Amino acid sequence: MKKHLTTAWLVATTAAVAFLGYNQAVSQQREMTLEKLTVQRLDVVEKDGTPRFIVSNSATQPGLIWGNKEFKHHSREGGGILFFNRQGDEVGGMHFDGGPTADGWRASGGIMFDQYKQDQTVGLTYQDQSGKRQAGLRVWDRPNWNMGELLPLSDKAARAATEAEKQAIRAEMMAFVRGKGETGGERLFAGKVLEDSVVRLNDKQGRPRLVMKVDGEGQPSIEFLDAEGRVTRRVTELAG
């Protein structure tokens, strides 16, 4: 009898050890192969939870994540992909959307790359309002101050209960930016606007100063502009 009990105990112990070993192997499994994965949102994070890459649909897009903290964002639309640096700051992304409207359709898409601790500095953009299209490469100047300083006000504006409250907070945001001295602006656009192919070069304040264009009829031109946007010289034919 004692021998049978000892044998049973050894069998039970062996089975328990094998079961624990199996569970540990499963819990430590780091690779998985699937034929198909359907999700509404996918977060790729560091071991400490810091986001590095988020893919989401329109309903599950996060707000603006900065320093590993999420702030409410008022202008996220459609699905997209967001990129983050090792500090948990959003540093760019891809967006894409489109659909019918009451008088036609609206569509947009783009990929943006942000300056460190600031907003986008280079991007490819596409916008379409019922056939009125613009698409091209854009480059921006951005100041050196940390945009994260502005995000609490941006979050507050996005949560405002009334339009008047929102506008008051936005005015406060503009005053904050002006107080920094540097605002930045678009420096370059190269692409298509309606029927024209355009290269537009701007000064540091974002004001167009030189515009090269080929219009829908195939006519080329070069325009020089002053700081107020007035054309000071226009060249329509180059000397042969």
C-alpha atoms as a PDB file:
ATOM      1  CA  MET A   1       0.000   0.000   0.000  1.00  0.00           C
ATOM      2  CA  LYS A   2       2.812   2.342   0.979  1.00  0.00           C
ATOM      3  CA  LYS A   3       4.564   1.593  -2.319  1.00  0.00           C
ATOM      4  CA  HIS A   4       1.401   2.487  -4.265  1.00  0.00           C
ATOM      5  CA  LEU A   5       1.034   5.770  -2.367  1.00  0.00           C
ATOM      6  CA  THR A   6       4.674   6.645  -3.065  1.00  0.00           C
ATOM      7  CA  THR A   7       4.200   5.910  -6.765  1.00  0.00           C
ATOM      8  CA  ALA A   8       1.031   7.989  -6.909  1.00  0.00           C
ATOM      9  CA  TRP A   9       2.786  10.857  -5.146  1.00  0.00           C
ATOM     10  CA  LEU A  10       5.677  10.744  -7.646  1.00  0.00           C
ATOM     11  CA  VAL A  11       3.275  10.704 -10.582  1.00  0.00           C
ATOM     12  CA  ALA A  12       1.296  13.654  -9.185  1.00  0.00           C
ATOM     13  CA  THR A  13       4.475  15.615  -8.461  1.00  0.00           C
ATOM     14  CA  THR A  14       5.844  14.959 -11.956  1.00  0.00           C
ATOM     15  CA  ALA A  15       2.556  16.058 -13.527  1.00  0.00           C
ATOM     16  CA  ALA A  16       2.489  19.225 -11.419  1.00  0.00           C
ATOM     17  CA  VAL A  17       6.066  20.125 -12.357  1.00  0.00           C
ATOM     18  CA  ALA A  18       5.328  19.497 -16.027  1.00  0.00           C
ATOM     19  CA  PHE A  19       2.172  21.624 -15.822  1.00  0.00           C
ATOM     20  CA  LEU A  20       4.021  24.492 -14.150  1.00  0.00           C
ATOM     21  CA  GLY A  21       6.802  24.262 -16.714  1.00  0.00           C
ATOM     22  CA  TYR A  22       4.275  24.357 -19.550  1.00  0.00           C
ATOM     23  CA  ASN A  23       2.503  27.392 -18.067  1.00  0.00           C
ATOM     24  CA  GLN A  24       5.812  29.194 -17.632  1.00  0.00           C
ATOM     25  CA  ALA A  25       6.802  28.449 -21.224  1.00  0.00           C
ATOM     26  CA  VAL A  26       3.465  29.782 -22.470  1.00  0.00           C
ATOM     27  CA  SER A  27       3.709  32.932 -20.312  1.00  0.00           C
ATOM     28  CA  GLN A  28       7.211  33.601 -21.615  1.00  0.00           C
ATOM     29  CA  GLN A  29       6.269  33.103 -25.248  1.00  0.00           C
ATOM     30  CA  ARG A  30       7.392  36.189 -27.210  1.00  0.00           C
ATOM     31  CA  GLU A  31       6.457  35.285 -30.749  1.00  0.00           C
ATOM     32  CA  MET A  32       3.114  34.543 -32.352  1.00  0.00           C
ATOM     33  CA  THR A  33       2.126  33.793 -35.927  1.00  0.00           C
ATOM     34  CA  LEU A  34      -1.386  34.683 -37.096  1.00  0.00           C
ATOM     35  CA  GLU A  35      -3.054  34.559 -40.465  1.00  0.00           C
ATOM     36  CA  LYS A  36      -5.195  37.614 -39.718  1.00  0.00           C
ATOM     37  CA  LEU A  37      -5.536  40.138 -36.901  1.00  0.00           C
ATOM     38  CA  THR A  38      -8.489  42.542 -36.695  1.00  0.00           C
ATOM     39  CA  VAL A  39      -8.258  45.410 -34.207  1.00  0.00           C
ATOM     40  CA  GLN A  40      -9.617  48.921 -33.772  1.00  0.00           C
ATOM     41  CA  ARG A  41      -6.376  50.170 -32.243  1.00  0.00           C
ATOM     42  CA  LEU A  42      -2.835  48.837 -31.918  1.00  0.00           C
ATOM     43  CA  ASP A  43      -0.313  50.364 -29.477  1.00  0.00           C
ATOM     44  CA  VAL A  44       3.407  49.570 -29.730  1.00  0.00           C
ATOM     45  CA  VAL A  45       5.099  50.568 -26.466  1.00  0.00           C
ATOM     46  CA  GLU A  46       8.411  50.317 -24.648  1.00  0.00           C
ATOM     47  CA  LYS A  47       8.704  47.975 -21.649  1.00  0.00           C
ATOM     48  CA  ASP A  48       7.758  50.854 -19.337  1.00  0.00           C
ATOM     49  CA  GLY A  49       4.606  51.616 -21.353  1.00  0.00           C
ATOM     50  CA  THR A  50       5.967  54.648 -23.242  1.00  0.00           C
ATOM     51  CA  PRO A  51       4.190  54.757 -26.648  1.00  0.00           C
ATOM     52  CA  ARG A  52       6.276  54.554 -29.818  1.00  0.00           C
ATOM     53  CA  PHE A  53       3.687  53.771 -32.505  1.00  0.00           C
ATOM     54  CA  ILE A  54      -0.155  53.831 -32.470  1.00  0.00           C
ATOM     55  CA  VAL A  55      -2.443  52.667 -35.270  1.00  0.00           C
ATOM     56  CA  SER A  56      -6.122  53.479 -34.743  1.00  0.00           C
ATOM     57  CA  ASN A  57      -9.477  53.976 -36.374  1.00  0.00           C
ATOM     58  CA  SER A  58     -11.441  57.230 -36.134  1.00  0.00           C
ATOM     59  CA  ALA A  59     -13.226  56.255 -32.902  1.00  0.00           C
ATOM     60  CA  THR A  60     -10.157  55.173 -30.928  1.00  0.00           C
ATOM     61  CA  GLN A  61      -7.583  57.833 -31.872  1.00  0.00           C
ATOM     62  CA  PRO A  62      -5.883  59.237 -28.792  1.00  0.00           C
ATOM     63  CA  GLY A  63      -5.515  62.901 -27.986  1.00  0.00           C
ATOM     64  CA  LEU A  64      -2.140  64.620 -28.205  1.00  0.00           C
ATOM     65  CA  ILE A  65       0.370  62.577 -26.190  1.00  0.00           C
ATOM     66  CA  TRP A  66       3.341  64.528 -24.835  1.00  0.00           C
ATOM     67  CA  GLY A  67       5.790  63.439 -22.161  1.00  0.00           C
ATOM     68  CA  ASN A  68       3.809  60.211 -21.876  1.00  0.00           C
ATOM     69  CA  LYS A  69       0.716  62.228 -20.875  1.00  0.00           C
ATOM     70  CA  GLU A  70      -2.425  62.547 -22.998  1.00  0.00           C
ATOM     71  CA  PHE A  71      -4.041  65.922 -23.704  1.00  0.00           C
ATOM     72  CA  LYS A  72      -7.428  66.360 -25.361  1.00  0.00           C
ATOM     73  CA  HIS A  73      -7.151  67.246 -29.062  1.00  0.00           C
ATOM     74  CA  HIS A  74      -9.955  69.007 -30.925  1.00  0.00           C
ATOM     75  CA  SER A  75      -9.033  68.273 -34.547  1.00  0.00           C
ATOM     76  CA  ARG A  76      -8.390  64.523 -34.899  1.00  0.00           C
ATOM     77  CA  GLU A  77     -10.407  63.031 -37.755  1.00  0.00           C
ATOM     78  CA  GLY A  78     -10.349  59.734 -39.591  1.00  0.00           C
ATOM     79  CA  GLY A  79      -7.967  56.865 -39.040  1.00  0.00           C
ATOM     80  CA  GLY A  80      -4.239  57.188 -38.771  1.00  0.00           C
ATOM     81  CA  ILE A  81      -0.833  56.315 -37.431  1.00  0.00           C
ATOM     82  CA  LEU A  82       1.056  58.309 -34.787  1.00  0.00           C
ATOM     83  CA  PHE A  83       4.810  58.242 -34.117  1.00  0.00           C
ATOM     84  CA  PHE A  84       6.470  58.973 -30.748  1.00  0.00           C
ATOM     85  CA  ASN A  85      10.014  59.584 -29.548  1.00  0.00           C
ATOM     86  CA  ARG A  86      11.621  57.816 -26.584  1.00  0.00           C
ATOM     87  CA  GLN A  87      10.246  60.479 -24.211  1.00  0.00           C
ATOM     88  CA  GLY A  88       6.663  59.785 -25.189  1.00  0.00           C
ATOM     89  CA  ASP A  89       6.230  62.951 -27.309  1.00  0.00           C
ATOM     90  CA  GLU A  90       4.234  62.777 -30.519  1.00  0.00           C
ATOM     91  CA  VAL A  91       6.695  63.375 -33.374  1.00  0.00           C
ATOM     92  CA  GLY A  92       4.552  62.952 -36.464  1.00  0.00           C
ATOM     93  CA  GLY A  93       2.189  60.572 -38.132  1.00  0.00           C
ATOM     94  CA  MET A  94      -0.045  59.682 -41.038  1.00  0.00           C
ATOM     95  CA  HIS A  95      -3.706  60.546 -41.484  1.00  0.00           C
ATOM     96  CA  PHE A  96      -6.224  59.683 -44.164  1.00  0.00           C
ATOM     97  CA  ASP A  97      -9.941  60.352 -44.506  1.00  0.00           C
ATOM     98  CA  GLY A  98     -12.608  60.927 -47.121  1.00  0.00           C
ATOM     99  CA  GLY A  99     -16.302  60.715 -47.769  1.00  0.00           C
ATOM    100  CA  PRO A 100     -19.374  62.335 -49.293  1.00  0.00           C
ATOM    101  CA  THR A 101     -20.681  65.755 -48.260  1.00  0.00           C
ATOM    102  CA  ALA A 102     -23.947  67.558 -48.965  1.00  0.00           C
ATOM    103  CA  ASP A 103     -22.524  69.076 -52.161  1.00  0.00           C
ATOM    104  CA  GLY A 104     -19.878  66.576 -53.246  1.00  0.00           C
ATOM    105  CA  TRP A 105     -17.046  65.022 -51.283  1.00  0.00           C
ATOM    106  CA  ARG A 106     -14.169  65.804 -48.982  1.00  0.00           C
ATOM    107  CA  ALA A 107     -10.897  63.894 -48.730  1.00  0.00           C
ATOM    108  CA  SER A 108      -7.498  64.427 -47.153  1.00  0.00           C
ATOM    109  CA  GLY A 109      -4.298  62.611 -46.372  1.00  0.00           C
ATOM    110  CA  GLY A 110      -0.782  63.294 -45.271  1.00  0.00           C
ATOM    111  CA  ILE A 111       2.375  62.249 -43.548  1.00  0.00           C
ATOM    112  CA  MET A 112       4.085  64.637 -41.124  1.00  0.00           C
ATOM    113  CA  PHE A 113       7.390  64.711 -39.276  1.00  0.00           C
ATOM    114  CA  ASP A 114       7.721  67.004 -36.265  1.00  0.00           C
ATOM    115  CA  GLN A 115      10.639  69.044 -35.039  1.00  0.00           C
ATOM    116  CA  TYR A 116      11.983  67.968 -31.631  1.00  0.00           C
ATOM    117  CA  LYS A 117       9.670  69.358 -28.917  1.00  0.00           C
ATOM    118  CA  GLN A 118       7.705  71.259 -31.579  1.00  0.00           C
ATOM    119  CA  ASP A 119       5.097  70.900 -34.346  1.00  0.00           C
ATOM    120  CA  GLN A 120       5.489  69.519 -37.881  1.00  0.00           C
ATOM    121  CA  THR A 121       8.512  70.693 -39.847  1.00  0.00           C
ATOM    122  CA  VAL A 122       8.123  68.690 -43.080  1.00  0.00           C
ATOM    123  CA  GLY A 123       5.141  66.935 -44.621  1.00  0.00           C
ATOM    124  CA  LEU A 124       3.359  65.603 -47.678  1.00  0.00           C
ATOM    125  CA  THR A 125      -0.266  66.748 -47.791  1.00  0.00           C
ATOM    126  CA  TYR A 126      -3.379  66.195 -49.905  1.00  0.00           C
ATOM    127  CA  GLN A 127      -6.703  68.025 -49.643  1.00  0.00           C
ATOM    128  CA  ASP A 128      -9.728  67.666 -51.898  1.00  0.00           C
ATOM    129  CA  GLN A 129     -13.014  69.564 -51.767  1.00  0.00           C
ATOM    130  CA  SER A 130     -15.241  68.105 -54.477  1.00  0.00           C
ATOM    131  CA  GLY A 131     -12.463  68.206 -57.068  1.00  0.00           C
ATOM    132  CA  LYS A 132     -10.737  71.375 -55.855  1.00  0.00           C
ATOM    133  CA  ARG A 133      -7.435  69.729 -55.016  1.00  0.00           C
ATOM    134  CA  GLN A 134      -4.145  70.705 -53.473  1.00  0.00           C
ATOM    135  CA  ALA A 135      -1.244  68.340 -52.951  1.00  0.00           C
ATOM    136  CA  GLY A 136       2.430  68.750 -52.327  1.00  0.00           C
ATOM    137  CA  LEU A 137       5.529  68.962 -50.168  1.00  0.00           C
ATOM    138  CA  ARG A 138       5.512  71.505 -47.328  1.00  0.00           C
ATOM    139  CA  VAL A 139       8.334  72.682 -45.049  1.00  0.00           C
ATOM    140  CA  TRP A 140       7.866  74.821 -41.930  1.00  0.00           C
ATOM    141  CA  ASP A 141      10.112  76.867 -39.681  1.00  0.00           C
ATOM    142  CA  ARG A 142       9.539  76.121 -35.999  1.00  0.00           C
ATOM    143  CA  PRO A 143      10.899  77.972 -32.965  1.00  0.00           C
ATOM    144  CA  ASN A 144      13.184  76.375 -30.384  1.00  0.00           C
ATOM    145  CA  TRP A 145      10.881  76.664 -27.372  1.00  0.00           C
ATOM    146  CA  ASN A 146       9.122  73.571 -26.040  1.00  0.00           C
ATOM    147  CA  MET A 147       5.588  73.232 -27.419  1.00  0.00           C
ATOM    148  CA  GLY A 148       4.662  71.186 -24.355  1.00  0.00           C
ATOM    149  CA  GLU A 149       4.386  74.457 -22.425  1.00  0.00           C
ATOM    150  CA  LEU A 150       1.331  75.322 -24.526  1.00  0.00           C
ATOM    151  CA  LEU A 151      -0.505  72.002 -24.226  1.00  0.00           C
ATOM    152  CA  PRO A 152      -2.356  72.626 -20.920  1.00  0.00           C
ATOM    153  CA  LEU A 153      -4.045  75.628 -22.561  1.00  0.00           C
ATOM    154  CA  SER A 154      -4.736  73.625 -25.733  1.00  0.00           C
ATOM    155  CA  ASP A 155      -6.312  70.885 -23.617  1.00  0.00           C
ATOM    156  CA  LYS A 156      -8.421  73.473 -21.802  1.00  0.00           C
ATOM    157  CA  ALA A 157      -9.643  74.949 -25.100  1.00  0.00           C
ATOM    158  CA  ALA A 158     -10.603  71.510 -26.429  1.00  0.00           C
ATOM    159  CA  ARG A 159     -12.693  70.914 -23.285  1.00  0.00           C
ATOM    160  CA  ALA A 160     -14.402  74.332 -23.332  1.00  0.00           C
ATOM    161  CA  ALA A 161     -18.157  74.161 -22.863  1.00  0.00           C
ATOM    162  CA  THR A 162     -18.990  77.132 -25.110  1.00  0.00           C
ATOM    163  CA  GLU A 163     -17.551  78.677 -28.254  1.00  0.00           C
ATOM    164  CA  ALA A 164     -16.998  81.967 -26.414  1.00  0.00           C
ATOM    165  CA  GLU A 165     -14.956  80.183 -23.742  1.00  0.00           C
ATOM    166  CA  LYS A 166     -12.959  78.367 -26.412  1.00  0.00           C
ATOM    167  CA  GLN A 167     -12.153  81.608 -28.266  1.00  0.00           C
ATOM    168  CA  ALA A 168     -11.060  83.278 -25.036  1.00  0.00           C
ATOM    169  CA  ILE A 169      -8.630  80.446 -24.314  1.00  0.00           C
ATOM    170  CA  ARG A 170      -7.315  80.528 -27.888  1.00  0.00           C
ATOM    171  CA  ALA A 171      -6.655  84.255 -27.503  1.00  0.00           C
ATOM    172  CA  GLU A 172      -4.678  83.405 -24.369  1.00  0.00           C
ATOM    173  CA  MET A 173      -2.743  80.810 -26.368  1.00  0.00           C
ATOM    174  CA  MET A 174      -1.898  83.360 -29.078  1.00  0.00           C
ATOM    175  CA  ALA A 175      -0.689  85.811 -26.446  1.00  0.00           C
ATOM    176  CA  PHE A 176       1.502  83.067 -24.977  1.00  0.00           C
ATOM    177  CA  VAL A 177       3.028  82.330 -28.401  1.00  0.00           C
ATOM    178  CA  ARG A 178       3.636  86.017 -29.150  1.00  0.00           C
ATOM    179  CA  GLY A 179       5.310  86.352 -25.783  1.00  0.00           C
ATOM    180  CA  LYS A 180       7.836  83.713 -26.848  1.00  0.00           C
ATOM    181  CA  GLY A 181       8.999  85.991 -29.671  1.00  0.00           C
ATOM    182  CA  GLU A 182       9.408  83.175 -32.239  1.00  0.00           C
ATOM    183  CA  THR A 183       6.340  81.778 -33.982  1.00  0.00           C
ATOM    184  CA  GLY A 184       7.586  80.158 -37.204  1.00  0.00           C
ATOM    185  CA  GLY A 185       5.706  79.647 -40.452  1.00  0.00           C
ATOM    186  CA  GLU A 186       5.606  77.766 -43.725  1.00  0.00           C
ATOM    187  CA  ARG A 187       8.825  78.287 -45.738  1.00  0.00           C
ATOM    188  CA  LEU A 188       8.217  76.093 -48.788  1.00  0.00           C
ATOM    189  CA  PHE A 189       5.343  74.600 -50.770  1.00  0.00           C
ATOM    190  CA  ALA A 190       6.017  72.568 -53.911  1.00  0.00           C
ATOM    191  CA  GLY A 191       3.072  70.882 -55.570  1.00  0.00           C
ATOM    192  CA  LYS A 192      -0.251  71.437 -57.290  1.00  0.00           C
ATOM    193  CA  VAL A 193      -2.963  73.963 -56.388  1.00  0.00           C
ATOM    194  CA  LEU A 194      -6.127  73.533 -58.441  1.00  0.00           C
ATOM    195  CA  GLU A 195      -4.862  73.647 -62.066  1.00  0.00           C
ATOM    196  CA  ASP A 196      -1.470  75.196 -61.306  1.00  0.00           C
ATOM    197  CA  SER A 197       1.894  73.607 -60.564  1.00  0.00           C
ATOM    198  CA  VAL A 198       3.464  75.827 -57.907  1.00  0.00           C
ATOM    199  CA  VAL A 199       6.719  76.334 -56.032  1.00  0.00           C
ATOM    200  CA  ARG A 200       6.224  78.953 -53.317  1.00  0.00           C
ATOM    201  CA  LEU A 201       9.112  80.252 -51.184  1.00  0.00           C
ATOM    202  CA  ASN A 202       8.251  82.232 -48.034  1.00  0.00           C
ATOM    203  CA  ASP A 203      10.187  84.321 -45.541  1.00  0.00           C
ATOM    204  CA  LYS A 204      10.578  83.362 -41.862  1.00  0.00           C
ATOM    205  CA  GLN A 205       7.194  84.897 -41.066  1.00  0.00           C
ATOM    206  CA  GLY A 206       5.506  82.638 -43.625  1.00  0.00           C
ATOM    207  CA  ARG A 207       4.906  85.427 -46.163  1.00  0.00           C
ATOM    208  CA  PRO A 208       5.272  84.422 -49.877  1.00  0.00           C
ATOM    209  CA  ARG A 209       8.250  86.226 -51.477  1.00  0.00           C
ATOM    210  CA  LEU A 210       8.869  84.210 -54.637  1.00  0.00           C
ATOM    211  CA  VAL A 211       6.329  82.119 -56.556  1.00  0.00           C
ATOM    212  CA  MET A 212       7.164  79.967 -59.583  1.00  0.00           C
ATOM    213  CA  LYS A 213       4.146  78.672 -61.430  1.00  0.00           C
ATOM    214  CA  VAL A 214       2.950  76.809 -64.507  1.00  0.00           C
ATOM    215  CA  ASP A 215      -0.789  77.387 -64.899  1.00  0.00           C
ATOM    216  CA  GLY A 216      -3.436  75.102 -66.334  1.00  0.00           C
ATOM    217  CA  GLU A 217      -2.844  76.497 -69.817  1.00  0.00           C
ATOM    218  CA  GLY A 218       0.857  75.630 -69.631  1.00  0.00           C
ATOM    219  CA  GLN A 219       2.018  79.218 -69.163  1.00  0.00           C
ATOM    220  CA  PRO A 220       5.069  79.640 -66.854  1.00  0.00           C
ATOM    221  CA  SER A 221       5.689  82.642 -64.612  1.00  0.00           C
ATOM    222  CA  ILE A 222       7.892  83.850 -61.774  1.00  0.00           C
ATOM    223  CA  GLU A 223       6.617  86.413 -59.284  1.00  0.00           C
ATOM    224  CA  PHE A 224       8.587  88.444 -56.728  1.00  0.00           C
ATOM    225  CA  LEU A 225       6.562  89.803 -53.799  1.00  0.00           C
ATOM    226  CA  ASP A 226       7.208  92.296 -51.018  1.00  0.00           C
ATOM    227  CA  ALA A 227       6.460  91.710 -47.333  1.00  0.00           C
ATOM    228  CA  GLU A 228       2.861  92.939 -47.809  1.00  0.00           C
ATOM    229  CA  GLY A 229       2.190  90.393 -50.559  1.00  0.00           C
ATOM    230  CA  ARG A 230       2.330  92.844 -53.459  1.00  0.00           C
ATOM    231  CA  VAL A 231       3.904  91.564 -56.690  1.00  0.00           C
ATOM    232  CA  THR A 232       6.931  93.766 -57.394  1.00  0.00           C
ATOM    233  CA  ARG A 233       8.067  91.960 -60.525  1.00  0.00           C
ATOM    234  CA  ARG A 234       6.562  89.278 -62.743  1.00  0.00           C
ATOM    235  CA  VAL A 235       8.472  87.344 -65.377  1.00  0.00           C
ATOM    236  CA  THR A 236       6.426  85.453 -67.966  1.00  0.00           C
ATOM    237  CA  GLU A 237       9.076  84.639 -70.577  1.00  0.00           C
ATOM    238  CA  LEU A 238      12.718  83.759 -70.057  1.00  0.00           C
ATOM    239  CA  ALA A 239      15.285  85.237 -72.446  1.00  0.00           C
ATOM    240  CA  GLY A 240      16.529  82.718 -74.971  1.00  0.00           C
END
